[in-house]
Amino acid sequence: MIESLVKKPGAFANYRFRQELFPTLTFRRLYDRLQKERPERADKVYLRILWFAARTMESEVEAAVEKLLDSANRLDFKALKAIWSDKLPASLVAQNGYLQELDMGAYDALLRAS
């Protein structure tokens, strides 16, 4: 469902189950502040962050959102990802900011040996 809203962020304003897309009060605070500071881009930025939370670990993204809200940084996806990736071990974060795929070969070898 979130994928379709990300593709058409204008639909978010009239989405029937819109309130359900605020998983915590932190996400609601983020949206409200985006509406105040960047109303023309609020839906698009919020949905992109929500999509990212759905694809990664929502609680970690929420913690990054809290830090972003407490900082003087501009509220955008790039700033959020910078805060989020700072919490992860550098070995897991690729240059593009997404998690690298782990090589499970060593684990598979261990399973075969047992």
PDB file of N, CA and C in Angstrom:
ATOM      1  N   MET A   1       0.820  -1.187   0.000  1.00  0.00           N
ATOM      2  CA  MET A   1       0.000   0.000   0.000  1.00  0.00           C
ATOM      3  C   MET A   1       0.869   1.258   0.000  1.00  0.00           C
ATOM      4  N   ILE A   2       1.920   1.284   0.807  1.00  0.00           N
ATOM      5  CA  ILE A   2       2.755   2.479   0.890  1.00  0.00           C
ATOM      6  C   ILE A   2       3.428   2.767  -0.451  1.00  0.00           C
ATOM      7  N   GLU A   3       3.756   1.703  -1.202  1.00  0.00           N
ATOM      8  CA  GLU A   3       4.406   1.902  -2.499  1.00  0.00           C
ATOM      9  C   GLU A   3       3.524   2.717  -3.447  1.00  0.00           C
ATOM     10  N   SER A   4       2.241   2.426  -3.449  1.00  0.00           N
ATOM     11  CA  SER A   4       1.343   3.167  -4.344  1.00  0.00           C
ATOM     12  C   SER A   4       1.194   4.626  -3.907  1.00  0.00           C
ATOM     13  N   LEU A   5       1.206   4.882  -2.613  1.00  0.00           N
ATOM     14  CA  LEU A   5       1.126   6.268  -2.142  1.00  0.00           C
ATOM     15  C   LEU A   5       2.411   7.028  -2.428  1.00  0.00           C
ATOM     16  N   VAL A   6       3.563   6.357  -2.356  1.00  0.00           N
ATOM     17  CA  VAL A   6       4.825   7.015  -2.675  1.00  0.00           C
ATOM     18  C   VAL A   6       4.831   7.437  -4.141  1.00  0.00           C
ATOM     19  N   LYS A   7       4.257   6.604  -5.011  1.00  0.00           N
ATOM     20  CA  LYS A   7       4.209   6.927  -6.437  1.00  0.00           C
ATOM     21  C   LYS A   7       3.248   8.081  -6.725  1.00  0.00           C
ATOM     22  N   LYS A   8       2.190   8.203  -5.903  1.00  0.00           N
ATOM     23  CA  LYS A   8       1.203   9.278  -6.092  1.00  0.00           C
ATOM     24  C   LYS A   8       0.962   9.975  -4.748  1.00  0.00           C
ATOM     25  N   PRO A   9       1.946  10.774  -4.302  1.00  0.00           N
ATOM     26  CA  PRO A   9       1.827  11.388  -2.970  1.00  0.00           C
ATOM     27  C   PRO A   9       0.633  12.325  -2.818  1.00  0.00           C
ATOM     28  N   GLY A  10       0.105  12.827  -3.916  1.00  0.00           N
ATOM     29  CA  GLY A  10      -1.071  13.692  -3.838  1.00  0.00           C
ATOM     30  C   GLY A  10      -2.296  12.976  -3.311  1.00  0.00           C
ATOM     31  N   ALA A  11      -2.308  11.657  -3.416  1.00  0.00           N
ATOM     32  CA  ALA A  11      -3.441  10.868  -2.935  1.00  0.00           C
ATOM     33  C   ALA A  11      -3.465  10.763  -1.412  1.00  0.00           C
ATOM     34  N   PHE A  12      -2.358  11.072  -0.765  1.00  0.00           N
ATOM     35  CA  PHE A  12      -2.263  10.938   0.690  1.00  0.00           C
ATOM     36  C   PHE A  12      -3.248  11.855   1.416  1.00  0.00           C
ATOM     37  N   ALA A  13      -3.446  13.055   0.915  1.00  0.00           N
ATOM     38  CA  ALA A  13      -4.323  14.033   1.579  1.00  0.00           C
ATOM     39  C   ALA A  13      -5.741  13.505   1.737  1.00  0.00           C
ATOM     40  N   ASN A  14      -6.233  12.744   0.779  1.00  0.00           N
ATOM     41  CA  ASN A  14      -7.603  12.236   0.819  1.00  0.00           C
ATOM     42  C   ASN A  14      -7.677  10.738   1.078  1.00  0.00           C
ATOM     43  N   TYR A  15      -6.566  10.152   1.480  1.00  0.00           N
ATOM     44  CA  TYR A  15      -6.541   8.708   1.707  1.00  0.00           C
ATOM     45  C   TYR A  15      -7.462   8.347   2.869  1.00  0.00           C
ATOM     46  N   ARG A  16      -8.295   7.358   2.660  1.00  0.00           N
ATOM     47  CA  ARG A  16      -9.317   6.976   3.627  1.00  0.00           C
ATOM     48  C   ARG A  16      -8.729   6.562   4.979  1.00  0.00           C
ATOM     49  N   PHE A  17      -7.631   5.818   4.961  1.00  0.00           N
ATOM     50  CA  PHE A  17      -7.022   5.313   6.189  1.00  0.00           C
ATOM     51  C   PHE A  17      -5.758   6.097   6.546  1.00  0.00           C
ATOM     52  N   ARG A  18      -5.788   7.366   6.291  1.00  0.00           N
ATOM     53  CA  ARG A  18      -4.626   8.234   6.485  1.00  0.00           C
ATOM     54  C   ARG A  18      -4.099   8.210   7.918  1.00  0.00           C
ATOM     55  N   GLN A  19      -4.978   8.221   8.899  1.00  0.00           N
ATOM     56  CA  GLN A  19      -4.546   8.247  10.300  1.00  0.00           C
ATOM     57  C   GLN A  19      -3.752   6.996  10.680  1.00  0.00           C
ATOM     58  N   GLU A  20      -4.010   5.893  10.008  1.00  0.00           N
ATOM     59  CA  GLU A  20      -3.280   4.661  10.283  1.00  0.00           C
ATOM     60  C   GLU A  20      -1.842   4.724   9.768  1.00  0.00           C
ATOM     61  N   LEU A  21      -1.529   5.715   8.951  1.00  0.00           N
ATOM     62  CA  LEU A  21      -0.178   5.865   8.416  1.00  0.00           C
ATOM     63  C   LEU A  21       0.704   6.758   9.289  1.00  0.00           C
ATOM     64  N   PHE A  22       0.278   6.939  10.516  1.00  0.00           N
ATOM     65  CA  PHE A  22       1.090   7.584  11.536  1.00  0.00           C
ATOM     66  C   PHE A  22       1.304   6.547  12.631  1.00  0.00           C
ATOM     67  N   PRO A  23       2.318   5.684  12.456  1.00  0.00           N
ATOM     68  CA  PRO A  23       2.476   4.552  13.376  1.00  0.00           C
ATOM     69  C   PRO A  23       2.749   4.957  14.826  1.00  0.00           C
ATOM     70  N   THR A  24       3.352   6.115  15.046  1.00  0.00           N
ATOM     71  CA  THR A  24       3.612   6.598  16.405  1.00  0.00           C
ATOM     72  C   THR A  24       3.429   8.110  16.430  1.00  0.00           C
ATOM     73  N   LEU A  25       3.437   8.643  17.620  1.00  0.00           N
ATOM     74  CA  LEU A  25       3.316  10.091  17.780  1.00  0.00           C
ATOM     75  C   LEU A  25       4.500  10.816  17.139  1.00  0.00           C
ATOM     76  N   THR A  26       5.677  10.194  17.154  1.00  0.00           N
ATOM     77  CA  THR A  26       6.863  10.802  16.542  1.00  0.00           C
ATOM     78  C   THR A  26       6.650  11.028  15.056  1.00  0.00           C
ATOM     79  N   PHE A  27       6.084  10.039  14.369  1.00  0.00           N
ATOM     80  CA  PHE A  27       5.818  10.193  12.942  1.00  0.00           C
ATOM     81  C   PHE A  27       4.764  11.272  12.703  1.00  0.00           C
ATOM     82  N   ARG A  28       3.792  11.373  13.594  1.00  0.00           N
ATOM     83  CA  ARG A  28       2.783  12.433  13.464  1.00  0.00           C
ATOM     84  C   ARG A  28       3.419  13.810  13.654  1.00  0.00           C
ATOM     85  N   ARG A  29       4.320  13.919  14.641  1.00  0.00           N
ATOM     86  CA  ARG A  29       5.032  15.187  14.853  1.00  0.00           C
ATOM     87  C   ARG A  29       5.845  15.565  13.622  1.00  0.00           C
ATOM     88  N   LEU A  30       6.482  14.569  13.022  1.00  0.00           N
ATOM     89  CA  LEU A  30       7.257  14.820  11.806  1.00  0.00           C
ATOM     90  C   LEU A  30       6.358  15.387  10.714  1.00  0.00           C
ATOM     91  N   TYR A  31       5.236  14.739  10.483  1.00  0.00           N
ATOM     92  CA  TYR A  31       4.332  15.192   9.427  1.00  0.00           C
ATOM     93  C   TYR A  31       3.813  16.602   9.702  1.00  0.00           C
ATOM     94  N   ASP A  32       3.429  16.844  10.951  1.00  0.00           N
ATOM     95  CA  ASP A  32       2.916  18.175  11.297  1.00  0.00           C
ATOM     96  C   ASP A  32       3.969  19.254  11.071  1.00  0.00           C
ATOM     97  N   ARG A  33       5.211  18.951  11.425  1.00  0.00           N
ATOM     98  CA  ARG A  33       6.273  19.945  11.217  1.00  0.00           C
ATOM     99  C   ARG A  33       6.580  20.113   9.729  1.00  0.00           C
ATOM    100  N   LEU A  34       6.545  19.032   8.982  1.00  0.00           N
ATOM    101  CA  LEU A  34       6.729  19.148   7.532  1.00  0.00           C
ATOM    102  C   LEU A  34       5.634  20.027   6.930  1.00  0.00           C
ATOM    103  N   GLN A  35       4.396  19.844   7.387  1.00  0.00           N
ATOM    104  CA  GLN A  35       3.285  20.665   6.898  1.00  0.00           C
ATOM    105  C   GLN A  35       3.516  22.137   7.200  1.00  0.00           C
ATOM    106  N   LYS A  36       4.103  22.405   8.356  1.00  0.00           N
ATOM    107  CA  LYS A  36       4.344  23.788   8.755  1.00  0.00           C
ATOM    108  C   LYS A  36       5.503  24.412   7.975  1.00  0.00           C
ATOM    109  N   GLU A  37       6.602  23.643   7.810  1.00  0.00           N
ATOM    110  CA  GLU A  37       7.808  24.196   7.207  1.00  0.00           C
ATOM    111  C   GLU A  37       7.880  24.037   5.693  1.00  0.00           C
ATOM    112  N   ARG A  38       7.333  22.966   5.179  1.00  0.00           N
ATOM    113  CA  ARG A  38       7.443  22.671   3.742  1.00  0.00           C
ATOM    114  C   ARG A  38       6.120  22.107   3.213  1.00  0.00           C
ATOM    115  N   PRO A  39       5.045  22.861   3.291  1.00  0.00           N
ATOM    116  CA  PRO A  39       3.726  22.315   2.937  1.00  0.00           C
ATOM    117  C   PRO A  39       3.634  21.761   1.521  1.00  0.00           C
ATOM    118  N   GLU A  40       4.376  22.342   0.602  1.00  0.00           N
ATOM    119  CA  GLU A  40       4.302  21.878  -0.796  1.00  0.00           C
ATOM    120  C   GLU A  40       4.966  20.516  -0.994  1.00  0.00           C
ATOM    121  N   ARG A  41       5.829  20.098  -0.077  1.00  0.00           N
ATOM    122  CA  ARG A  41       6.547  18.826  -0.202  1.00  0.00           C
ATOM    123  C   ARG A  41       6.277  17.889   0.959  1.00  0.00           C
ATOM    124  N   ALA A  42       5.439  18.281   1.900  1.00  0.00           N
ATOM    125  CA  ALA A  42       5.244  17.517   3.135  1.00  0.00           C
ATOM    126  C   ALA A  42       4.815  16.080   2.876  1.00  0.00           C
ATOM    127  N   ASP A  43       3.809  15.880   2.035  1.00  0.00           N
ATOM    128  CA  ASP A  43       3.316  14.523   1.780  1.00  0.00           C
ATOM    129  C   ASP A  43       4.393  13.655   1.148  1.00  0.00           C
ATOM    130  N   LYS A  44       5.084  14.194   0.170  1.00  0.00           N
ATOM    131  CA  LYS A  44       6.107  13.422  -0.536  1.00  0.00           C
ATOM    132  C   LYS A  44       7.253  13.023   0.396  1.00  0.00           C
ATOM    133  N   VAL A  45       7.751  13.969   1.181  1.00  0.00           N
ATOM    134  CA  VAL A  45       8.858  13.677   2.104  1.00  0.00           C
ATOM    135  C   VAL A  45       8.404  12.690   3.170  1.00  0.00           C
ATOM    136  N   TYR A  46       7.219  12.910   3.742  1.00  0.00           N
ATOM    137  CA  TYR A  46       6.720  12.018   4.790  1.00  0.00           C
ATOM    138  C   TYR A  46       6.552  10.594   4.269  1.00  0.00           C
ATOM    139  N   LEU A  47       5.940  10.445   3.119  1.00  0.00           N
ATOM    140  CA  LEU A  47       5.717   9.108   2.582  1.00  0.00           C
ATOM    141  C   LEU A  47       7.023   8.396   2.260  1.00  0.00           C
ATOM    142  N   ARG A  48       8.001   9.140   1.800  1.00  0.00           N
ATOM    143  CA  ARG A  48       9.306   8.523   1.522  1.00  0.00           C
ATOM    144  C   ARG A  48       9.956   8.023   2.817  1.00  0.00           C
ATOM    145  N   ILE A  49       9.864   8.801   3.887  1.00  0.00           N
ATOM    146  CA  ILE A  49      10.401   8.380   5.181  1.00  0.00           C
ATOM    147  C   ILE A  49       9.617   7.194   5.725  1.00  0.00           C
ATOM    148  N   LEU A  50       8.310   7.216   5.589  1.00  0.00           N
ATOM    149  CA  LEU A  50       7.480   6.100   6.040  1.00  0.00           C
ATOM    150  C   LEU A  50       7.795   4.835   5.250  1.00  0.00           C
ATOM    151  N   TRP A  51       7.988   4.981   3.949  1.00  0.00           N
ATOM    152  CA  TRP A  51       8.376   3.840   3.109  1.00  0.00           C
ATOM    153  C   TRP A  51       9.710   3.266   3.587  1.00  0.00           C
ATOM    154  N   PHE A  52      10.665   4.137   3.886  1.00  0.00           N
ATOM    155  CA  PHE A  52      11.972   3.710   4.378  1.00  0.00           C
ATOM    156  C   PHE A  52      11.831   2.965   5.705  1.00  0.00           C
ATOM    157  N   ALA A  53      10.977   3.464   6.592  1.00  0.00           N
ATOM    158  CA  ALA A  53      10.742   2.791   7.878  1.00  0.00           C
ATOM    159  C   ALA A  53      10.151   1.407   7.666  1.00  0.00           C
ATOM    160  N   ALA A  54       9.268   1.272   6.690  1.00  0.00           N
ATOM    161  CA  ALA A  54       8.668  -0.034   6.397  1.00  0.00           C
ATOM    162  C   ALA A  54       9.682  -1.002   5.813  1.00  0.00           C
ATOM    163  N   ARG A  55      10.684  -0.500   5.110  1.00  0.00           N
ATOM    164  CA  ARG A  55      11.691  -1.352   4.462  1.00  0.00           C
ATOM    165  C   ARG A  55      12.866  -1.690   5.366  1.00  0.00           C
ATOM    166  N   THR A  56      13.053  -0.927   6.434  1.00  0.00           N
ATOM    167  CA  THR A  56      14.181  -1.166   7.327  1.00  0.00           C
ATOM    168  C   THR A  56      13.622  -1.521   8.700  1.00  0.00           C
ATOM    169  N   MET A  57      14.085  -0.860   9.719  1.00  0.00           N
ATOM    170  CA  MET A  57      13.617  -1.101  11.081  1.00  0.00           C
ATOM    171  C   MET A  57      12.896   0.148  11.560  1.00  0.00           C
ATOM    172  N   GLU A  58      11.578   0.044  11.708  1.00  0.00           N
ATOM    173  CA  GLU A  58      10.769   1.218  12.053  1.00  0.00           C
ATOM    174  C   GLU A  58      11.261   1.904  13.314  1.00  0.00           C
ATOM    175  N   SER A  59      11.636   1.135  14.331  1.00  0.00           N
ATOM    176  CA  SER A  59      12.063   1.743  15.591  1.00  0.00           C
ATOM    177  C   SER A  59      13.357   2.544  15.422  1.00  0.00           C
ATOM    178  N   GLU A  60      14.267   2.076  14.562  1.00  0.00           N
ATOM    179  CA  GLU A  60      15.506   2.813  14.314  1.00  0.00           C
ATOM    180  C   GLU A  60      15.244   4.079  13.511  1.00  0.00           C
ATOM    181  N   VAL A  61      14.331   3.987  12.559  1.00  0.00           N
ATOM    182  CA  VAL A  61      13.971   5.174  11.783  1.00  0.00           C
ATOM    183  C   VAL A  61      13.254   6.173  12.688  1.00  0.00           C
ATOM    184  N   GLU A  62      12.416   5.685  13.583  1.00  0.00           N
ATOM    185  CA  GLU A  62      11.738   6.577  14.524  1.00  0.00           C
ATOM    186  C   GLU A  62      12.751   7.312  15.408  1.00  0.00           C
ATOM    187  N   ALA A  63      13.767   6.605  15.877  1.00  0.00           N
ATOM    188  CA  ALA A  63      14.809   7.243  16.688  1.00  0.00           C
ATOM    189  C   ALA A  63      15.533   8.313  15.878  1.00  0.00           C
ATOM    190  N   ALA A  64      15.789   8.037  14.600  1.00  0.00           N
ATOM    191  CA  ALA A  64      16.433   9.027  13.734  1.00  0.00           C
ATOM    192  C   ALA A  64      15.505  10.221  13.501  1.00  0.00           C
ATOM    193  N   VAL A  65      14.213   9.969  13.378  1.00  0.00           N
ATOM    194  CA  VAL A  65      13.238  11.053  13.214  1.00  0.00           C
ATOM    195  C   VAL A  65      13.245  11.944  14.457  1.00  0.00           C
ATOM    196  N   GLU A  66      13.293  11.324  15.640  1.00  0.00           N
ATOM    197  CA  GLU A  66      13.338  12.110  16.877  1.00  0.00           C
ATOM    198  C   GLU A  66      14.564  13.017  16.907  1.00  0.00           C
ATOM    199  N   LYS A  67      15.717  12.466  16.521  1.00  0.00           N
ATOM    200  CA  LYS A  67      16.931  13.290  16.487  1.00  0.00           C
ATOM    201  C   LYS A  67      16.804  14.404  15.460  1.00  0.00           C
ATOM    202  N   LEU A  68      16.213  14.087  14.315  1.00  0.00           N
ATOM    203  CA  LEU A  68      16.024  15.090  13.275  1.00  0.00           C
ATOM    204  C   LEU A  68      15.099  16.202  13.762  1.00  0.00           C
ATOM    205  N   LEU A  69      14.026  15.837  14.447  1.00  0.00           N
ATOM    206  CA  LEU A  69      13.096  16.838  14.965  1.00  0.00           C
ATOM    207  C   LEU A  69      13.752  17.726  16.027  1.00  0.00           C
ATOM    208  N   ASP A  70      14.670  17.145  16.792  1.00  0.00           N
ATOM    209  CA  ASP A  70      15.348  17.905  17.845  1.00  0.00           C
ATOM    210  C   ASP A  70      16.497  18.764  17.319  1.00  0.00           C
ATOM    211  N   SER A  71      16.924  18.495  16.102  1.00  0.00           N
ATOM    212  CA  SER A  71      18.047  19.237  15.529  1.00  0.00           C
ATOM    213  C   SER A  71      17.547  20.439  14.737  1.00  0.00           C
ATOM    214  N   ALA A  72      18.489  21.222  14.295  1.00  0.00           N
ATOM    215  CA  ALA A  72      18.152  22.382  13.459  1.00  0.00           C
ATOM    216  C   ALA A  72      18.234  22.018  11.975  1.00  0.00           C
ATOM    217  N   ASN A  73      18.471  20.736  11.690  1.00  0.00           N
ATOM    218  CA  ASN A  73      18.587  20.309  10.294  1.00  0.00           C
ATOM    219  C   ASN A  73      17.268  20.463   9.552  1.00  0.00           C
ATOM    220  N   ARG A  74      17.393  20.618   8.267  1.00  0.00           N
ATOM    221  CA  ARG A  74      16.207  20.669   7.409  1.00  0.00           C
ATOM    222  C   ARG A  74      15.539  19.305   7.429  1.00  0.00           C
ATOM    223  N   LEU A  75      14.231  19.299   7.469  1.00  0.00           N
ATOM    224  CA  LEU A  75      13.491  18.043   7.487  1.00  0.00           C
ATOM    225  C   LEU A  75      13.402  17.484   6.075  1.00  0.00           C
ATOM    226  N   ASP A  76      14.257  16.530   5.774  1.00  0.00           N
ATOM    227  CA  ASP A  76      14.162  15.853   4.495  1.00  0.00           C
ATOM    228  C   ASP A  76      14.720  14.437   4.619  1.00  0.00           C
ATOM    229  N   PHE A  77      14.506  13.665   3.588  1.00  0.00           N
ATOM    230  CA  PHE A  77      14.898  12.259   3.586  1.00  0.00           C
ATOM    231  C   PHE A  77      16.405  12.093   3.692  1.00  0.00           C
ATOM    232  N   LYS A  78      17.153  12.938   3.024  1.00  0.00           N
ATOM    233  CA  LYS A  78      18.612  12.839   3.036  1.00  0.00           C
ATOM    234  C   LYS A  78      19.157  13.063   4.445  1.00  0.00           C
ATOM    235  N   ALA A  79      18.644  14.049   5.152  1.00  0.00           N
ATOM    236  CA  ALA A  79      19.083  14.322   6.524  1.00  0.00           C
ATOM    237  C   ALA A  79      18.727  13.161   7.446  1.00  0.00           C
ATOM    238  N   LEU A  80      17.543  12.603   7.256  1.00  0.00           N
ATOM    239  CA  LEU A  80      17.133  11.461   8.064  1.00  0.00           C
ATOM    240  C   LEU A  80      18.053  10.267   7.837  1.00  0.00           C
ATOM    241  N   LYS A  81      18.376   9.984   6.576  1.00  0.00           N
ATOM    242  CA  LYS A  81      19.244   8.845   6.280  1.00  0.00           C
ATOM    243  C   LYS A  81      20.637   9.039   6.848  1.00  0.00           C
ATOM    244  N   ALA A  82      21.119  10.262   6.886  1.00  0.00           N
ATOM    245  CA  ALA A  82      22.435  10.525   7.460  1.00  0.00           C
ATOM    246  C   ALA A  82      22.434  10.205   8.955  1.00  0.00           C
ATOM    247  N   ILE A  83      21.395  10.616   9.650  1.00  0.00           N
ATOM    248  CA  ILE A  83      21.279  10.323  11.080  1.00  0.00           C
ATOM    249  C   ILE A  83      21.119   8.825  11.292  1.00  0.00           C
ATOM    250  N   TRP A  84      20.266   8.192  10.499  1.00  0.00           N
ATOM    251  CA  TRP A  84      20.000   6.752  10.614  1.00  0.00           C
ATOM    252  C   TRP A  84      21.261   5.936  10.377  1.00  0.00           C
ATOM    253  N   SER A  85      22.017   6.256   9.341  1.00  0.00           N
ATOM    254  CA  SER A  85      23.197   5.452   9.008  1.00  0.00           C
ATOM    255  C   SER A  85      24.333   5.662   9.998  1.00  0.00           C
ATOM    256  N   ASP A  86      24.342   6.804  10.716  1.00  0.00           N
ATOM    257  CA  ASP A  86      25.368   7.039  11.738  1.00  0.00           C
ATOM    258  C   ASP A  86      25.237   6.063  12.902  1.00  0.00           C
ATOM    259  N   LYS A  87      24.047   5.504  13.088  1.00  0.00           N
ATOM    260  CA  LYS A  87      23.827   4.573  14.187  1.00  0.00           C
ATOM    261  C   LYS A  87      24.270   3.153  13.850  1.00  0.00           C
ATOM    262  N   LEU A  88      24.503   2.873  12.582  1.00  0.00           N
ATOM    263  CA  LEU A  88      24.828   1.513  12.152  1.00  0.00           C
ATOM    264  C   LEU A  88      26.326   1.324  12.017  1.00  0.00           C
ATOM    265  N   PRO A  89      26.788   0.090  12.184  1.00  0.00           N
ATOM    266  CA  PRO A  89      28.215  -0.165  11.921  1.00  0.00           C
ATOM    267  C   PRO A  89      28.545   0.164  10.470  1.00  0.00           C
ATOM    268  N   ALA A  90      29.654   0.837  10.252  1.00  0.00           N
ATOM    269  CA  ALA A  90      30.036   1.276   8.905  1.00  0.00           C
ATOM    270  C   ALA A  90      30.142   0.103   7.938  1.00  0.00           C
ATOM    271  N   SER A  91      30.475  -1.074   8.429  1.00  0.00           N
ATOM    272  CA  SER A  91      30.623  -2.232   7.552  1.00  0.00           C
ATOM    273  C   SER A  91      29.299  -2.666   6.927  1.00  0.00           C
ATOM    274  N   LEU A  92      28.176  -2.248   7.506  1.00  0.00           N
ATOM    275  CA  LEU A  92      26.876  -2.646   6.967  1.00  0.00           C
ATOM    276  C   LEU A  92      26.271  -1.631   6.009  1.00  0.00           C
ATOM    277  N   VAL A  93      26.765  -0.412   6.033  1.00  0.00           N
ATOM    278  CA  VAL A  93      26.161   0.641   5.233  1.00  0.00           C
ATOM    279  C   VAL A  93      26.939   0.831   3.937  1.00  0.00           C
ATOM    280  N   ALA A  94      26.244   0.687   2.835  1.00  0.00           N
ATOM    281  CA  ALA A  94      26.871   0.887   1.529  1.00  0.00           C
ATOM    282  C   ALA A  94      27.053   2.380   1.283  1.00  0.00           C
ATOM    283  N   GLN A  95      27.751   2.718   0.232  1.00  0.00           N
ATOM    284  CA  GLN A  95      27.992   4.126  -0.079  1.00  0.00           C
ATOM    285  C   GLN A  95      26.705   4.885  -0.353  1.00  0.00           C
ATOM    286  N   ASN A  96      25.686   4.195  -0.842  1.00  0.00           N
ATOM    287  CA  ASN A  96      24.427   4.874  -1.138  1.00  0.00           C
ATOM    288  C   ASN A  96      23.542   5.025   0.094  1.00  0.00           C
ATOM    289  N   GLY A  97      24.015   4.524   1.255  1.00  0.00           N
ATOM    290  CA  GLY A  97      23.259   4.697   2.483  1.00  0.00           C
ATOM    291  C   GLY A  97      22.360   3.542   2.833  1.00  0.00           C
ATOM    292  N   TYR A  98      22.167   2.605   1.929  1.00  0.00           N
ATOM    293  CA  TYR A  98      21.341   1.454   2.229  1.00  0.00           C
ATOM    294  C   TYR A  98      22.185   0.346   2.826  1.00  0.00           C
ATOM    295  N   LEU A  99      21.535  -0.572   3.499  1.00  0.00           N
ATOM    296  CA  LEU A  99      22.264  -1.695   4.069  1.00  0.00           C
ATOM    297  C   LEU A  99      22.836  -2.563   2.966  1.00  0.00           C
ATOM    298  N   GLN A 100      24.064  -2.988   3.172  1.00  0.00           N
ATOM    299  CA  GLN A 100      24.668  -3.915   2.224  1.00  0.00           C
ATOM    300  C   GLN A 100      24.094  -5.301   2.472  1.00  0.00           C
ATOM    301  N   GLU A 101      24.022  -6.077   1.432  1.00  0.00           N
ATOM    302  CA  GLU A 101      23.581  -7.451   1.581  1.00  0.00           C
ATOM    303  C   GLU A 101      24.715  -8.236   2.235  1.00  0.00           C
ATOM    304  N   LEU A 102      24.364  -8.972   3.259  1.00  0.00           N
ATOM    305  CA  LEU A 102      25.371  -9.738   3.976  1.00  0.00           C
ATOM    306  C   LEU A 102      25.724 -11.000   3.215  1.00  0.00           C
ATOM    307  N   ASP A 103      26.979 -11.382   3.256  1.00  0.00           N
ATOM    308  CA  ASP A 103      27.434 -12.629   2.656  1.00  0.00           C
ATOM    309  C   ASP A 103      27.168 -13.748   3.647  1.00  0.00           C
ATOM    310  N   MET A 104      26.244 -14.602   3.319  1.00  0.00           N
ATOM    311  CA  MET A 104      25.859 -15.679   4.226  1.00  0.00           C
ATOM    312  C   MET A 104      26.632 -16.969   3.947  1.00  0.00           C
ATOM    313  N   GLY A 105      27.648 -16.904   3.110  1.00  0.00           N
ATOM    314  CA  GLY A 105      28.442 -18.078   2.759  1.00  0.00           C
ATOM    315  C   GLY A 105      29.067 -18.750   3.967  1.00  0.00           C
ATOM    316  N   ALA A 106      29.628 -17.958   4.872  1.00  0.00           N
ATOM    317  CA  ALA A 106      30.261 -18.530   6.072  1.00  0.00           C
ATOM    318  C   ALA A 106      29.229 -19.229   6.940  1.00  0.00           C
ATOM    319  N   TYR A 107      28.043 -18.653   7.034  1.00  0.00           N
ATOM    320  CA  TYR A 107      26.974 -19.276   7.830  1.00  0.00           C
ATOM    321  C   TYR A 107      26.525 -20.574   7.160  1.00  0.00           C
ATOM    322  N   ASP A 108      26.354 -20.556   5.850  1.00  0.00           N
ATOM    323  CA  ASP A 108      25.961 -21.760   5.122  1.00  0.00           C
ATOM    324  C   ASP A 108      27.004 -22.877   5.304  1.00  0.00           C
ATOM    325  N   ALA A 109      28.272 -22.512   5.258  1.00  0.00           N
ATOM    326  CA  ALA A 109      29.351 -23.501   5.448  1.00  0.00           C
ATOM    327  C   ALA A 109      29.270 -24.082   6.856  1.00  0.00           C
ATOM    328  N   LEU A 110      28.977 -23.267   7.826  1.00  0.00           N
ATOM    329  CA  LEU A 110      28.845 -23.736   9.197  1.00  0.00           C
ATOM    330  C   LEU A 110      27.684 -24.726   9.332  1.00  0.00           C
ATOM    331  N   LEU A 111      26.579 -24.430   8.667  1.00  0.00           N
ATOM    332  CA  LEU A 111      25.441 -25.338   8.714  1.00  0.00           C
ATOM    333  C   LEU A 111      25.755 -26.667   8.054  1.00  0.00           C
ATOM    334  N   ARG A 112      26.470 -26.622   6.946  1.00  0.00           N
ATOM    335  CA  ARG A 112      26.839 -27.869   6.240  1.00  0.00           C
ATOM    336  C   ARG A 112      27.790 -28.705   7.087  1.00  0.00           C
ATOM    337  N   ALA A 113      28.636 -28.061   7.873  1.00  0.00           N
ATOM    338  CA  ALA A 113      29.626 -28.773   8.686  1.00  0.00           C
ATOM    339  C   ALA A 113      28.974 -29.454   9.895  1.00  0.00           C
ATOM    340  N   SER A 114      27.805 -28.996  10.309  1.00  0.00           N
ATOM    341  CA  SER A 114      27.209 -29.591  11.508  1.00  0.00           C
ATOM    342  C   SER A 114      26.286 -30.731  11.223  1.00  0.00           C
TER     343      SER A 114
END
